[in-house]
PDB file of N, CA and C in Angstrom:
ATOM      1  N   UNK A   1     -59.355 -12.432 -10.318  1.00  0.00           N
ATOM      2  CA  UNK A   1     -60.506 -13.245 -10.619  1.00  0.00           C
ATOM      3  C   UNK A   1     -60.340 -13.935 -11.976  1.00  0.00           C
ATOM      4  N   UNK A   2     -59.772 -13.202 -12.933  1.00  0.00           N
ATOM      5  CA  UNK A   2     -59.608 -13.802 -14.259  1.00  0.00           C
ATOM      6  C   UNK A   2     -58.641 -14.970 -14.217  1.00  0.00           C
ATOM      7  N   UNK A   3     -57.638 -14.885 -13.331  1.00  0.00           N
ATOM      8  CA  UNK A   3     -56.680 -15.976 -13.215  1.00  0.00           C
ATOM      9  C   UNK A   3     -57.371 -17.234 -12.709  1.00  0.00           C
ATOM     10  N   UNK A   4     -58.224 -17.065 -11.711  1.00  0.00           N
ATOM     11  CA  UNK A   4     -58.957 -18.197 -11.161  1.00  0.00           C
ATOM     12  C   UNK A   4     -59.916 -18.780 -12.201  1.00  0.00           C
ATOM     13  N   UNK A   5     -60.590 -17.906 -12.954  1.00  0.00           N
ATOM     14  CA  UNK A   5     -61.521 -18.371 -13.983  1.00  0.00           C
ATOM     15  C   UNK A   5     -60.792 -19.206 -15.037  1.00  0.00           C
ATOM     16  N   UNK A   6     -59.636 -18.734 -15.472  1.00  0.00           N
ATOM     17  CA  UNK A   6     -58.867 -19.474 -16.471  1.00  0.00           C
ATOM     18  C   UNK A   6     -58.343 -20.774 -15.869  1.00  0.00           C
ATOM     19  N   UNK A   7     -57.895 -20.723 -14.624  1.00  0.00           N
ATOM     20  CA  UNK A   7     -57.423 -21.929 -13.941  1.00  0.00           C
ATOM     21  C   UNK A   7     -58.531 -22.976 -13.927  1.00  0.00           C
ATOM     22  N   UNK A   8     -59.749 -22.537 -13.568  1.00  0.00           N
ATOM     23  CA  UNK A   8     -60.887 -23.462 -13.499  1.00  0.00           C
ATOM     24  C   UNK A   8     -61.242 -24.016 -14.882  1.00  0.00           C
ATOM     25  N   UNK A   9     -61.166 -23.176 -15.911  1.00  0.00           N
ATOM     26  CA  UNK A   9     -61.455 -23.656 -17.269  1.00  0.00           C
ATOM     27  C   UNK A   9     -60.419 -24.678 -17.716  1.00  0.00           C
ATOM     28  N   UNK A  10     -59.163 -24.460 -17.354  1.00  0.00           N
ATOM     29  CA  UNK A  10     -58.126 -25.420 -17.715  1.00  0.00           C
ATOM     30  C   UNK A  10     -58.365 -26.766 -17.027  1.00  0.00           C
ATOM     31  N   UNK A  11     -58.794 -26.715 -15.762  1.00  0.00           N
ATOM     32  CA  UNK A  11     -59.106 -27.962 -15.048  1.00  0.00           C
ATOM     33  C   UNK A  11     -60.277 -28.663 -15.724  1.00  0.00           C
ATOM     34  N   UNK A  12     -61.312 -27.901 -16.067  1.00  0.00           N
ATOM     35  CA  UNK A  12     -62.459 -28.499 -16.753  1.00  0.00           C
ATOM     36  C   UNK A  12     -62.065 -29.073 -18.110  1.00  0.00           C
ATOM     37  N   UNK A  13     -61.045 -28.487 -18.726  1.00  0.00           N
ATOM     38  CA  UNK A  13     -60.558 -28.955 -20.023  1.00  0.00           C
ATOM     39  C   UNK A  13     -59.672 -30.184 -19.937  1.00  0.00           C
ATOM     40  N   UNK A  14     -59.386 -30.642 -18.723  1.00  0.00           N
ATOM     41  CA  UNK A  14     -58.621 -31.868 -18.588  1.00  0.00           C
ATOM     42  C   UNK A  14     -57.252 -31.712 -17.948  1.00  0.00           C
ATOM     43  N   UNK A  15     -56.810 -30.492 -17.702  1.00  0.00           N
ATOM     44  CA  UNK A  15     -55.512 -30.273 -17.059  1.00  0.00           C
ATOM     45  C   UNK A  15     -55.756 -30.219 -15.550  1.00  0.00           C
ATOM     46  N   UNK A  16     -55.481 -31.316 -14.856  1.00  0.00           N
ATOM     47  CA  UNK A  16     -55.807 -31.428 -13.431  1.00  0.00           C
ATOM     48  C   UNK A  16     -55.058 -30.430 -12.554  1.00  0.00           C
ATOM     49  N   UNK A  17     -53.864 -30.029 -12.975  1.00  0.00           N
ATOM     50  CA  UNK A  17     -53.068 -29.104 -12.165  1.00  0.00           C
ATOM     51  C   UNK A  17     -52.357 -28.104 -13.078  1.00  0.00           C
ATOM     52  N   UNK A  18     -53.070 -27.070 -13.535  1.00  0.00           N
ATOM     53  CA  UNK A  18     -52.458 -26.099 -14.447  1.00  0.00           C
ATOM     54  C   UNK A  18     -51.302 -25.342 -13.787  1.00  0.00           C
ATOM     55  N   UNK A  19     -50.292 -25.063 -14.574  1.00  0.00           N
ATOM     56  CA  UNK A  19     -49.147 -24.292 -14.085  1.00  0.00           C
ATOM     57  C   UNK A  19     -49.369 -22.813 -14.385  1.00  0.00           C
ATOM     58  N   UNK A  20     -48.505 -21.973 -13.838  1.00  0.00           N
ATOM     59  CA  UNK A  20     -48.579 -20.543 -14.107  1.00  0.00           C
ATOM     60  C   UNK A  20     -48.410 -20.287 -15.602  1.00  0.00           C
ATOM     61  N   UNK A  21     -47.546 -21.061 -16.231  1.00  0.00           N
ATOM     62  CA  UNK A  21     -47.320 -20.921 -17.669  1.00  0.00           C
ATOM     63  C   UNK A  21     -48.588 -21.269 -18.458  1.00  0.00           C
ATOM     64  N   UNK A  22     -49.318 -22.313 -18.026  1.00  0.00           N
ATOM     65  CA  UNK A  22     -50.567 -22.692 -18.691  1.00  0.00           C
ATOM     66  C   UNK A  22     -51.589 -21.558 -18.623  1.00  0.00           C
ATOM     67  N   UNK A  23     -51.724 -20.969 -17.445  1.00  0.00           N
ATOM     68  CA  UNK A  23     -52.688 -19.885 -17.247  1.00  0.00           C
ATOM     69  C   UNK A  23     -52.274 -18.658 -18.060  1.00  0.00           C
ATOM     70  N   UNK A  24     -50.998 -18.318 -18.021  1.00  0.00           N
ATOM     71  CA  UNK A  24     -50.491 -17.174 -18.775  1.00  0.00           C
ATOM     72  C   UNK A  24     -50.723 -17.360 -20.269  1.00  0.00           C
ATOM     73  N   UNK A  25     -50.462 -18.556 -20.760  1.00  0.00           N
ATOM     74  CA  UNK A  25     -50.649 -18.848 -22.184  1.00  0.00           C
ATOM     75  C   UNK A  25     -52.127 -18.719 -22.569  1.00  0.00           C
ATOM     76  N   UNK A  26     -53.028 -19.226 -21.731  1.00  0.00           N
ATOM     77  CA  UNK A  26     -54.462 -19.137 -22.022  1.00  0.00           C
ATOM     78  C   UNK A  26     -54.925 -17.682 -22.016  1.00  0.00           C
ATOM     79  N   UNK A  27     -54.456 -16.908 -21.051  1.00  0.00           N
ATOM     80  CA  UNK A  27     -54.832 -15.488 -20.994  1.00  0.00           C
ATOM     81  C   UNK A  27     -54.305 -14.730 -22.204  1.00  0.00           C
ATOM     82  N   UNK A  28     -53.054 -14.972 -22.572  1.00  0.00           N
ATOM     83  CA  UNK A  28     -52.468 -14.242 -23.697  1.00  0.00           C
ATOM     84  C   UNK A  28     -53.133 -14.618 -25.019  1.00  0.00           C
ATOM     85  N   UNK A  29     -53.721 -15.804 -25.094  1.00  0.00           N
ATOM     86  CA  UNK A  29     -54.390 -16.210 -26.331  1.00  0.00           C
ATOM     87  C   UNK A  29     -55.625 -15.363 -26.623  1.00  0.00           C
ATOM     88  N   UNK A  30     -56.128 -14.682 -25.597  1.00  0.00           N
ATOM     89  CA  UNK A  30     -57.274 -13.784 -25.798  1.00  0.00           C
ATOM     90  C   UNK A  30     -56.896 -12.329 -25.536  1.00  0.00           C
ATOM     91  N   UNK A  31     -55.591 -12.054 -25.532  1.00  0.00           N
ATOM     92  CA  UNK A  31     -55.110 -10.687 -25.426  1.00  0.00           C
ATOM     93  C   UNK A  31     -55.085 -10.094 -24.031  1.00  0.00           C
ATOM     94  N   UNK A  32     -55.047 -10.937 -23.007  1.00  0.00           N
ATOM     95  CA  UNK A  32     -55.009 -10.449 -21.629  1.00  0.00           C
ATOM     96  C   UNK A  32     -53.647 -10.765 -21.035  1.00  0.00           C
ATOM     97  N   UNK A  33     -53.057  -9.751 -20.399  1.00  0.00           N
ATOM     98  CA  UNK A  33     -51.755  -9.930 -19.765  1.00  0.00           C
ATOM     99  C   UNK A  33     -51.955 -10.426 -18.334  1.00  0.00           C
ATOM    100  N   UNK A  34     -51.230 -11.444 -17.946  1.00  0.00           N
ATOM    101  CA  UNK A  34     -51.340 -12.009 -16.601  1.00  0.00           C
ATOM    102  C   UNK A  34     -50.632 -11.125 -15.585  1.00  0.00           C
ATOM    103  N   UNK A  35     -51.203 -11.040 -14.400  1.00  0.00           N
ATOM    104  CA  UNK A  35     -50.570 -10.355 -13.270  1.00  0.00           C
ATOM    105  C   UNK A  35     -49.751 -11.428 -12.550  1.00  0.00           C
ATOM    106  N   UNK A  36     -48.447 -11.378 -12.713  1.00  0.00           N
ATOM    107  CA  UNK A  36     -47.570 -12.432 -12.206  1.00  0.00           C
ATOM    108  C   UNK A  36     -47.687 -12.639 -10.699  1.00  0.00           C
ATOM    109  N   UNK A  37     -47.832 -11.562  -9.935  1.00  0.00           N
ATOM    110  CA  UNK A  37     -47.914 -11.686  -8.472  1.00  0.00           C
ATOM    111  C   UNK A  37     -49.179 -12.445  -8.074  1.00  0.00           C
ATOM    112  N   UNK A  38     -50.307 -12.047  -8.644  1.00  0.00           N
ATOM    113  CA  UNK A  38     -51.577 -12.722  -8.303  1.00  0.00           C
ATOM    114  C   UNK A  38     -51.588 -14.161  -8.802  1.00  0.00           C
ATOM    115  N   UNK A  39     -51.037 -14.365  -9.992  1.00  0.00           N
ATOM    116  CA  UNK A  39     -50.998 -15.715 -10.546  1.00  0.00           C
ATOM    117  C   UNK A  39     -50.114 -16.616  -9.696  1.00  0.00           C
ATOM    118  N   UNK A  40     -48.985 -16.115  -9.248  1.00  0.00           N
ATOM    119  CA  UNK A  40     -48.089 -16.905  -8.393  1.00  0.00           C
ATOM    120  C   UNK A  40     -48.776 -17.268  -7.083  1.00  0.00           C
ATOM    121  N   UNK A  41     -49.518 -16.319  -6.535  1.00  0.00           N
ATOM    122  CA  UNK A  41     -50.257 -16.579  -5.295  1.00  0.00           C
ATOM    123  C   UNK A  41     -51.311 -17.670  -5.512  1.00  0.00           C
ATOM    124  N   UNK A  42     -52.040 -17.590  -6.621  1.00  0.00           N
ATOM    125  CA  UNK A  42     -53.061 -18.596  -6.925  1.00  0.00           C
ATOM    126  C   UNK A  42     -52.439 -19.978  -7.070  1.00  0.00           C
ATOM    127  N   UNK A  43     -51.370 -20.069  -7.840  1.00  0.00           N
ATOM    128  CA  UNK A  43     -50.713 -21.365  -8.069  1.00  0.00           C
ATOM    129  C   UNK A  43     -50.192 -21.925  -6.754  1.00  0.00           C
ATOM    130  N   UNK A  44     -49.619 -21.067  -5.901  1.00  0.00           N
ATOM    131  CA  UNK A  44     -49.098 -21.520  -4.606  1.00  0.00           C
ATOM    132  C   UNK A  44     -50.229 -22.030  -3.715  1.00  0.00           C
ATOM    133  N   UNK A  45     -51.361 -21.324  -3.717  1.00  0.00           N
ATOM    134  CA  UNK A  45     -52.489 -21.739  -2.875  1.00  0.00           C
ATOM    135  C   UNK A  45     -53.154 -23.020  -3.384  1.00  0.00           C
ATOM    136  N   UNK A  46     -53.094 -23.273  -4.678  1.00  0.00           N
ATOM    137  CA  UNK A  46     -53.739 -24.452  -5.247  1.00  0.00           C
ATOM    138  C   UNK A  46     -52.797 -25.656  -5.330  1.00  0.00           C
ATOM    139  N   UNK A  47     -51.526 -25.458  -5.038  1.00  0.00           N
ATOM    140  CA  UNK A  47     -50.547 -26.534  -5.146  1.00  0.00           C
ATOM    141  C   UNK A  47     -50.920 -27.700  -4.234  1.00  0.00           C
ATOM    142  N   UNK A  48     -51.028 -28.874  -4.829  1.00  0.00           N
ATOM    143  CA  UNK A  48     -51.343 -30.087  -4.080  1.00  0.00           C
ATOM    144  C   UNK A  48     -52.810 -30.235  -3.712  1.00  0.00           C
ATOM    145  N   UNK A  49     -53.661 -29.350  -4.205  1.00  0.00           N
ATOM    146  CA  UNK A  49     -55.087 -29.420  -3.880  1.00  0.00           C
ATOM    147  C   UNK A  49     -55.896 -29.768  -5.119  1.00  0.00           C
ATOM    148  N   UNK A  50     -56.998 -30.443  -4.893  1.00  0.00           N
ATOM    149  CA  UNK A  50     -57.924 -30.773  -5.967  1.00  0.00           C
ATOM    150  C   UNK A  50     -58.976 -29.664  -6.044  1.00  0.00           C
ATOM    151  N   UNK A  51     -59.171 -29.101  -7.222  1.00  0.00           N
ATOM    152  CA  UNK A  51     -60.109 -27.988  -7.392  1.00  0.00           C
ATOM    153  C   UNK A  51     -61.512 -28.362  -6.925  1.00  0.00           C
ATOM    154  N   UNK A  52     -61.951 -29.565  -7.222  1.00  0.00           N
ATOM    155  CA  UNK A  52     -63.296 -29.989  -6.815  1.00  0.00           C
ATOM    156  C   UNK A  52     -63.441 -30.006  -5.293  1.00  0.00           C
ATOM    157  N   UNK A  53     -62.408 -30.453  -4.602  1.00  0.00           N
ATOM    158  CA  UNK A  53     -62.446 -30.468  -3.136  1.00  0.00           C
ATOM    159  C   UNK A  53     -62.448 -29.052  -2.569  1.00  0.00           C
ATOM    160  N   UNK A  54     -61.680 -28.162  -3.186  1.00  0.00           N
ATOM    161  CA  UNK A  54     -61.636 -26.767  -2.741  1.00  0.00           C
ATOM    162  C   UNK A  54     -63.008 -26.116  -2.933  1.00  0.00           C
ATOM    163  N   UNK A  55     -63.631 -26.380  -4.061  1.00  0.00           N
ATOM    164  CA  UNK A  55     -64.964 -25.809  -4.324  1.00  0.00           C
ATOM    165  C   UNK A  55     -66.001 -26.367  -3.362  1.00  0.00           C
ATOM    166  N   UNK A  56     -65.935 -27.642  -3.066  1.00  0.00           N
ATOM    167  CA  UNK A  56     -66.878 -28.259  -2.128  1.00  0.00           C
ATOM    168  C   UNK A  56     -66.725 -27.660  -0.728  1.00  0.00           C
ATOM    169  N   UNK A  57     -65.486 -27.470  -0.305  1.00  0.00           N
ATOM    170  CA  UNK A  57     -65.238 -26.861   1.003  1.00  0.00           C
ATOM    171  C   UNK A  57     -65.786 -25.428   1.031  1.00  0.00           C
ATOM    172  N   UNK A  58     -65.647 -24.720  -0.081  1.00  0.00           N
ATOM    173  CA  UNK A  58     -66.173 -23.359  -0.169  1.00  0.00           C
ATOM    174  C   UNK A  58     -67.688 -23.336  -0.096  1.00  0.00           C
ATOM    175  N   UNK A  59     -68.332 -24.309  -0.736  1.00  0.00           N
ATOM    176  CA  UNK A  59     -69.801 -24.382  -0.684  1.00  0.00           C
ATOM    177  C   UNK A  59     -70.277 -24.625   0.745  1.00  0.00           C
ATOM    178  N   UNK A  60     -69.563 -25.460   1.487  1.00  0.00           N
ATOM    179  CA  UNK A  60     -69.934 -25.727   2.876  1.00  0.00           C
ATOM    180  C   UNK A  60     -69.796 -24.467   3.725  1.00  0.00           C
ATOM    181  N   UNK A  61     -68.739 -23.696   3.466  1.00  0.00           N
ATOM    182  CA  UNK A  61     -68.558 -22.446   4.211  1.00  0.00           C
ATOM    183  C   UNK A  61     -69.678 -21.468   3.893  1.00  0.00           C
ATOM    184  N   UNK A  62     -70.074 -21.381   2.633  1.00  0.00           N
ATOM    185  CA  UNK A  62     -71.171 -20.489   2.265  1.00  0.00           C
ATOM    186  C   UNK A  62     -72.478 -20.936   2.900  1.00  0.00           C
ATOM    187  N   UNK A  63     -72.705 -22.236   2.944  1.00  0.00           N
ATOM    188  CA  UNK A  63     -73.933 -22.756   3.540  1.00  0.00           C
ATOM    189  C   UNK A  63     -74.002 -22.419   5.024  1.00  0.00           C
ATOM    190  N   UNK A  64     -72.862 -22.384   5.691  1.00  0.00           N
ATOM    191  CA  UNK A  64     -72.862 -22.083   7.122  1.00  0.00           C
ATOM    192  C   UNK A  64     -73.207 -20.622   7.403  1.00  0.00           C
ATOM    193  N   UNK A  65     -73.099 -19.779   6.399  1.00  0.00           N
ATOM    194  CA  UNK A  65     -73.434 -18.372   6.574  1.00  0.00           C
ATOM    195  C   UNK A  65     -74.942 -18.135   6.573  1.00  0.00           C
ATOM    196  N   UNK A  66     -75.682 -19.124   6.110  1.00  0.00           N
ATOM    197  CA  UNK A  66     -77.131 -18.929   6.024  1.00  0.00           C
ATOM    198  C   UNK A  66     -77.431 -18.108   4.803  1.00  0.00           C
ATOM    199  N   UNK A  67     -78.368 -17.224   4.940  1.00  0.00           N
ATOM    200  CA  UNK A  67     -78.663 -16.348   3.807  1.00  0.00           C
ATOM    201  C   UNK A  67     -80.060 -16.582   3.312  1.00  0.00           C
ATOM    202  N   UNK A  68     -80.152 -16.929   2.082  1.00  0.00           N
ATOM    203  CA  UNK A  68     -81.452 -17.057   1.462  1.00  0.00           C
ATOM    204  C   UNK A  68     -81.625 -15.935   0.463  1.00  0.00           C
ATOM    205  N   UNK A  69     -82.798 -15.774   0.010  1.00  0.00           N
ATOM    206  CA  UNK A  69     -83.082 -14.781  -1.018  1.00  0.00           C
ATOM    207  C   UNK A  69     -83.217 -13.382  -0.488  1.00  0.00           C
ATOM    208  N   UNK A  70     -83.370 -13.234   0.794  1.00  0.00           N
ATOM    209  CA  UNK A  70     -83.557 -11.891   1.336  1.00  0.00           C
ATOM    210  C   UNK A  70     -84.991 -11.449   1.148  1.00  0.00           C
ATOM    211  N   UNK A  71     -85.398 -10.498   1.871  1.00  0.00           N
ATOM    212  CA  UNK A  71     -86.787 -10.055   1.793  1.00  0.00           C
ATOM    213  C   UNK A  71     -86.938  -8.712   1.132  1.00  0.00           C
ATOM    214  N   UNK A  72     -85.903  -8.195   0.525  1.00  0.00           N
ATOM    215  CA  UNK A  72     -85.980  -6.885  -0.088  1.00  0.00           C
ATOM    216  C   UNK A  72     -85.623  -5.818   0.925  1.00  0.00           C
ATOM    217  N   UNK A  73     -85.756  -4.606   0.512  1.00  0.00           N
ATOM    218  CA  UNK A  73     -85.406  -3.480   1.378  1.00  0.00           C
ATOM    219  C   UNK A  73     -86.531  -3.218   2.372  1.00  0.00           C
ATOM    220  N   UNK A  74     -86.193  -2.785   3.561  1.00  0.00           N
ATOM    221  CA  UNK A  74     -87.235  -2.461   4.530  1.00  0.00           C
ATOM    222  C   UNK A  74     -88.014  -1.229   4.068  1.00  0.00           C
ATOM    223  N   UNK A  75     -89.236  -1.119   4.548  1.00  0.00           N
ATOM    224  CA  UNK A  75     -90.074   0.017   4.174  1.00  0.00           C
ATOM    225  C   UNK A  75     -89.470   1.296   4.717  1.00  0.00           C
ATOM    226  N   UNK A  76     -89.508   2.340   3.912  1.00  0.00           N
ATOM    227  CA  UNK A  76     -88.979   3.630   4.343  1.00  0.00           C
ATOM    228  C   UNK A  76     -89.999   4.313   5.235  1.00  0.00           C
ATOM    229  N   UNK A  77     -89.517   5.055   6.177  1.00  0.00           N
ATOM    230  CA  UNK A  77     -90.428   5.722   7.100  1.00  0.00           C
ATOM    231  C   UNK A  77     -90.791   7.110   6.628  1.00  0.00           C
ATOM    232  N   UNK A  78     -91.879   7.623   7.083  1.00  0.00           N
ATOM    233  CA  UNK A  78     -92.409   8.964   6.908  1.00  0.00           C
ATOM    234  C   UNK A  78     -91.943   9.738   5.702  1.00  0.00           C
ATOM    235  N   UNK A  79     -91.162  10.799   5.924  1.00  0.00           N
ATOM    236  CA  UNK A  79     -90.742  11.701   4.867  1.00  0.00           C
ATOM    237  C   UNK A  79     -89.835  10.999   3.860  1.00  0.00           C
ATOM    238  N   UNK A  80     -89.047  10.099   4.332  1.00  0.00           N
ATOM    239  CA  UNK A  80     -88.147   9.396   3.424  1.00  0.00           C
ATOM    240  C   UNK A  80     -88.939   8.586   2.419  1.00  0.00           C
ATOM    241  N   UNK A  81     -90.080   8.042   2.827  1.00  0.00           N
ATOM    242  CA  UNK A  81     -90.918   7.248   1.932  1.00  0.00           C
ATOM    243  C   UNK A  81     -91.427   8.082   0.776  1.00  0.00           C
ATOM    244  N   UNK A  82     -91.823   9.306   1.041  1.00  0.00           N
ATOM    245  CA  UNK A  82     -92.312  10.188  -0.011  1.00  0.00           C
ATOM    246  C   UNK A  82     -91.224  10.510  -1.019  1.00  0.00           C
ATOM    247  N   UNK A  83     -90.038  10.779  -0.524  1.00  0.00           N
ATOM    248  CA  UNK A  83     -88.923  11.100  -1.408  1.00  0.00           C
ATOM    249  C   UNK A  83     -88.559   9.898  -2.267  1.00  0.00           C
ATOM    250  N   UNK A  84     -88.611   8.709  -1.675  1.00  0.00           N
ATOM    251  CA  UNK A  84     -88.288   7.495  -2.426  1.00  0.00           C
ATOM    252  C   UNK A  84     -89.320   7.261  -3.516  1.00  0.00           C
ATOM    253  N   UNK A  85     -90.607   7.485  -3.195  1.00  0.00           N
ATOM    254  CA  UNK A  85     -91.660   7.282  -4.185  1.00  0.00           C
ATOM    255  C   UNK A  85     -91.490   8.261  -5.346  1.00  0.00           C
ATOM    256  N   UNK A  86     -91.107   9.505  -5.044  1.00  0.00           N
ATOM    257  CA  UNK A  86     -90.889  10.489  -6.099  1.00  0.00           C
ATOM    258  C   UNK A  86     -89.726  10.079  -6.983  1.00  0.00           C
ATOM    259  N   UNK A  87     -88.674   9.552  -6.382  1.00  0.00           N
ATOM    260  CA  UNK A  87     -87.510   9.127  -7.148  1.00  0.00           C
ATOM    261  C   UNK A  87     -87.876   7.985  -8.091  1.00  0.00           C
ATOM    262  N   UNK A  88     -88.712   7.065  -7.617  1.00  0.00           N
ATOM    263  CA  UNK A  88     -89.134   5.942  -8.448  1.00  0.00           C
ATOM    264  C   UNK A  88     -89.980   6.444  -9.609  1.00  0.00           C
ATOM    265  N   UNK A  89     -90.894   7.386  -9.325  1.00  0.00           N
ATOM    266  CA  UNK A  89     -91.736   7.934 -10.387  1.00  0.00           C
ATOM    267  C   UNK A  89     -90.887   8.661 -11.417  1.00  0.00           C
ATOM    268  N   UNK A  90     -89.887   9.422 -10.960  1.00  0.00           N
ATOM    269  CA  UNK A  90     -89.003  10.140 -11.856  1.00  0.00           C
ATOM    270  C   UNK A  90     -88.256   9.174 -12.764  1.00  0.00           C
ATOM    271  N   UNK A  91     -87.788   8.088 -12.192  1.00  0.00           N
ATOM    272  CA  UNK A  91     -87.044   7.099 -12.958  1.00  0.00           C
ATOM    273  C   UNK A  91     -87.927   6.463 -14.015  1.00  0.00           C
ATOM    274  N   UNK A  92     -89.187   6.152 -13.651  1.00  0.00           N
ATOM    275  CA  UNK A  92     -90.114   5.554 -14.610  1.00  0.00           C
ATOM    276  C   UNK A  92     -90.369   6.493 -15.776  1.00  0.00           C
ATOM    277  N   UNK A  93     -90.513   7.794 -15.468  1.00  0.00           N
ATOM    278  CA  UNK A  93     -90.746   8.766 -16.527  1.00  0.00           C
ATOM    279  C   UNK A  93     -89.566   8.817 -17.482  1.00  0.00           C
ATOM    280  N   UNK A  94     -88.353   8.757 -16.950  1.00  0.00           N
ATOM    281  CA  UNK A  94     -87.170   8.785 -17.794  1.00  0.00           C
ATOM    282  C   UNK A  94     -87.124   7.559 -18.703  1.00  0.00           C
ATOM    283  N   UNK A  95     -87.503   6.413 -18.193  1.00  0.00           N
ATOM    284  CA  UNK A  95     -87.476   5.185 -18.971  1.00  0.00           C
ATOM    285  C   UNK A  95     -88.517   5.194 -20.076  1.00  0.00           C
ATOM    286  N   UNK A  96     -89.643   5.871 -19.833  1.00  0.00           N
ATOM    287  CA  UNK A  96     -90.731   5.862 -20.790  1.00  0.00           C
ATOM    288  C   UNK A  96     -90.533   6.844 -21.931  1.00  0.00           C
ATOM    289  N   UNK A  97     -89.547   7.746 -21.814  1.00  0.00           N
ATOM    290  CA  UNK A  97     -89.304   8.703 -22.871  1.00  0.00           C
ATOM    291  C   UNK A  97     -88.936   7.972 -24.150  1.00  0.00           C
ATOM    292  N   UNK A  98     -89.454   8.508 -25.268  1.00  0.00           N
ATOM    293  CA  UNK A  98     -89.181   7.892 -26.556  1.00  0.00           C
ATOM    294  C   UNK A  98     -87.787   8.274 -27.019  1.00  0.00           C
ATOM    295  N   UNK A  99     -87.068   7.329 -27.572  1.00  0.00           N
ATOM    296  CA  UNK A  99     -85.718   7.573 -28.033  1.00  0.00           C
ATOM    297  C   UNK A  99     -85.776   8.025 -29.489  1.00  0.00           C
ATOM    298  N   UNK A 100     -85.113   9.149 -29.806  1.00  0.00           N
ATOM    299  CA  UNK A 100     -85.054   9.654 -31.167  1.00  0.00           C
ATOM    300  C   UNK A 100     -83.956   8.905 -31.901  1.00  0.00           C
ATOM    301  N   UNK A 101     -84.321   8.176 -32.924  1.00  0.00           N
ATOM    302  CA  UNK A 101     -83.360   7.373 -33.670  1.00  0.00           C
ATOM    303  C   UNK A 101     -82.543   8.228 -34.641  1.00  0.00           C
ATOM    304  N   UNK A 102     -82.894   9.470 -34.794  1.00  0.00           N
ATOM    305  CA  UNK A 102     -82.127  10.363 -35.655  1.00  0.00           C
ATOM    306  C   UNK A 102     -82.030   9.871 -37.081  1.00  0.00           C
ATOM    307  N   UNK A 103     -83.099   9.292 -37.585  1.00  0.00           N
ATOM    308  CA  UNK A 103     -83.090   8.796 -38.955  1.00  0.00           C
ATOM    309  C   UNK A 103     -82.467   7.434 -39.084  1.00  0.00           C
ATOM    310  N   UNK A 104     -82.148   6.789 -37.983  1.00  0.00           N
ATOM    311  CA  UNK A 104     -81.500   5.489 -38.014  1.00  0.00           C
ATOM    312  C   UNK A 104     -82.344   4.405 -38.654  1.00  0.00           C
ATOM    313  N   UNK A 105     -83.649   4.621 -38.712  1.00  0.00           N
ATOM    314  CA  UNK A 105     -84.509   3.597 -39.298  1.00  0.00           C
ATOM    315  C   UNK A 105     -84.395   3.571 -40.813  1.00  0.00           C
ATOM    316  N   UNK A 106     -83.837   4.617 -41.420  1.00  0.00           N
ATOM    317  CA  UNK A 106     -83.682   4.655 -42.870  1.00  0.00           C
ATOM    318  C   UNK A 106     -82.810   3.517 -43.371  1.00  0.00           C
ATOM    319  N   UNK A 107     -81.868   3.081 -42.559  1.00  0.00           N
ATOM    320  CA  UNK A 107     -80.978   2.015 -43.015  1.00  0.00           C
ATOM    321  C   UNK A 107     -81.685   0.673 -43.112  1.00  0.00           C
ATOM    322  N   UNK A 108     -82.895   0.596 -42.592  1.00  0.00           N
ATOM    323  CA  UNK A 108     -83.654  -0.639 -42.687  1.00  0.00           C
ATOM    324  C   UNK A 108     -84.774  -0.527 -43.719  1.00  0.00           C
ATOM    325  N   UNK A 109     -84.674   0.429 -44.603  1.00  0.00           N
ATOM    326  CA  UNK A 109     -85.652   0.549 -45.674  1.00  0.00           C
ATOM    327  C   UNK A 109     -86.843   1.405 -45.314  1.00  0.00           C
ATOM    328  N   UNK A 110     -86.772   2.126 -44.209  1.00  0.00           N
ATOM    329  CA  UNK A 110     -87.895   2.963 -43.796  1.00  0.00           C
ATOM    330  C   UNK A 110     -87.881   4.319 -44.446  1.00  0.00           C
ATOM    331  N   UNK A 111     -86.801   4.666 -45.100  1.00  0.00           N
ATOM    332  CA  UNK A 111     -86.689   5.997 -45.685  1.00  0.00           C
ATOM    333  C   UNK A 111     -86.769   5.948 -47.191  1.00  0.00           C
ATOM    334  N   UNK A 112     -86.485   7.089 -47.781  1.00  0.00           N
ATOM    335  CA  UNK A 112     -86.546   7.192 -49.232  1.00  0.00           C
ATOM    336  C   UNK A 112     -85.233   6.751 -49.859  1.00  0.00           C
ATOM    337  N   UNK A 113     -85.308   6.194 -51.054  1.00  0.00           N
ATOM    338  CA  UNK A 113     -84.120   5.813 -51.785  1.00  0.00           C
ATOM    339  C   UNK A 113     -83.422   4.618 -51.169  1.00  0.00           C
ATOM    340  N   UNK A 114     -82.347   4.238 -51.738  1.00  0.00           N
ATOM    341  CA  UNK A 114     -81.569   3.112 -51.222  1.00  0.00           C
ATOM    342  C   UNK A 114     -82.177   1.771 -51.579  1.00  0.00           C
ATOM    343  N   UNK A 115     -81.340   0.804 -51.833  1.00  0.00           N
ATOM    344  CA  UNK A 115     -81.805  -0.532 -52.203  1.00  0.00           C
ATOM    345  C   UNK A 115     -81.582  -1.531 -51.098  1.00  0.00           C
ATOM    346  N   UNK A 116     -81.579  -1.093 -49.853  1.00  0.00           N
ATOM    347  CA  UNK A 116     -81.273  -1.992 -48.755  1.00  0.00           C
ATOM    348  C   UNK A 116     -82.511  -2.752 -48.453  1.00  0.00           C
TER     349      UNK A 116
END
């Protein structure tokens, strides 16, 4: 995925057809080592193709799948519903617990001494 992301950024930056070396150089500039096998596959699949056309074709394929926002999870039945409600209540209680800063507020001038 990172190879494709860098490939796309290079195209957006003006390089219409980035090479494997271009992608490798961009990845190494941020300390990431390229996976040569995956990069070679990406370059081979993109050879002679326009990125914008490939993306447009992909959007059409996604549109044919339908989808939408979804309606959420179906309602749980009988006993399962009770267990789910308990789990939600338990989670809410955990979230509402106060976090002990362990004196961490002192570094912002809330404690004694110090000229911060």
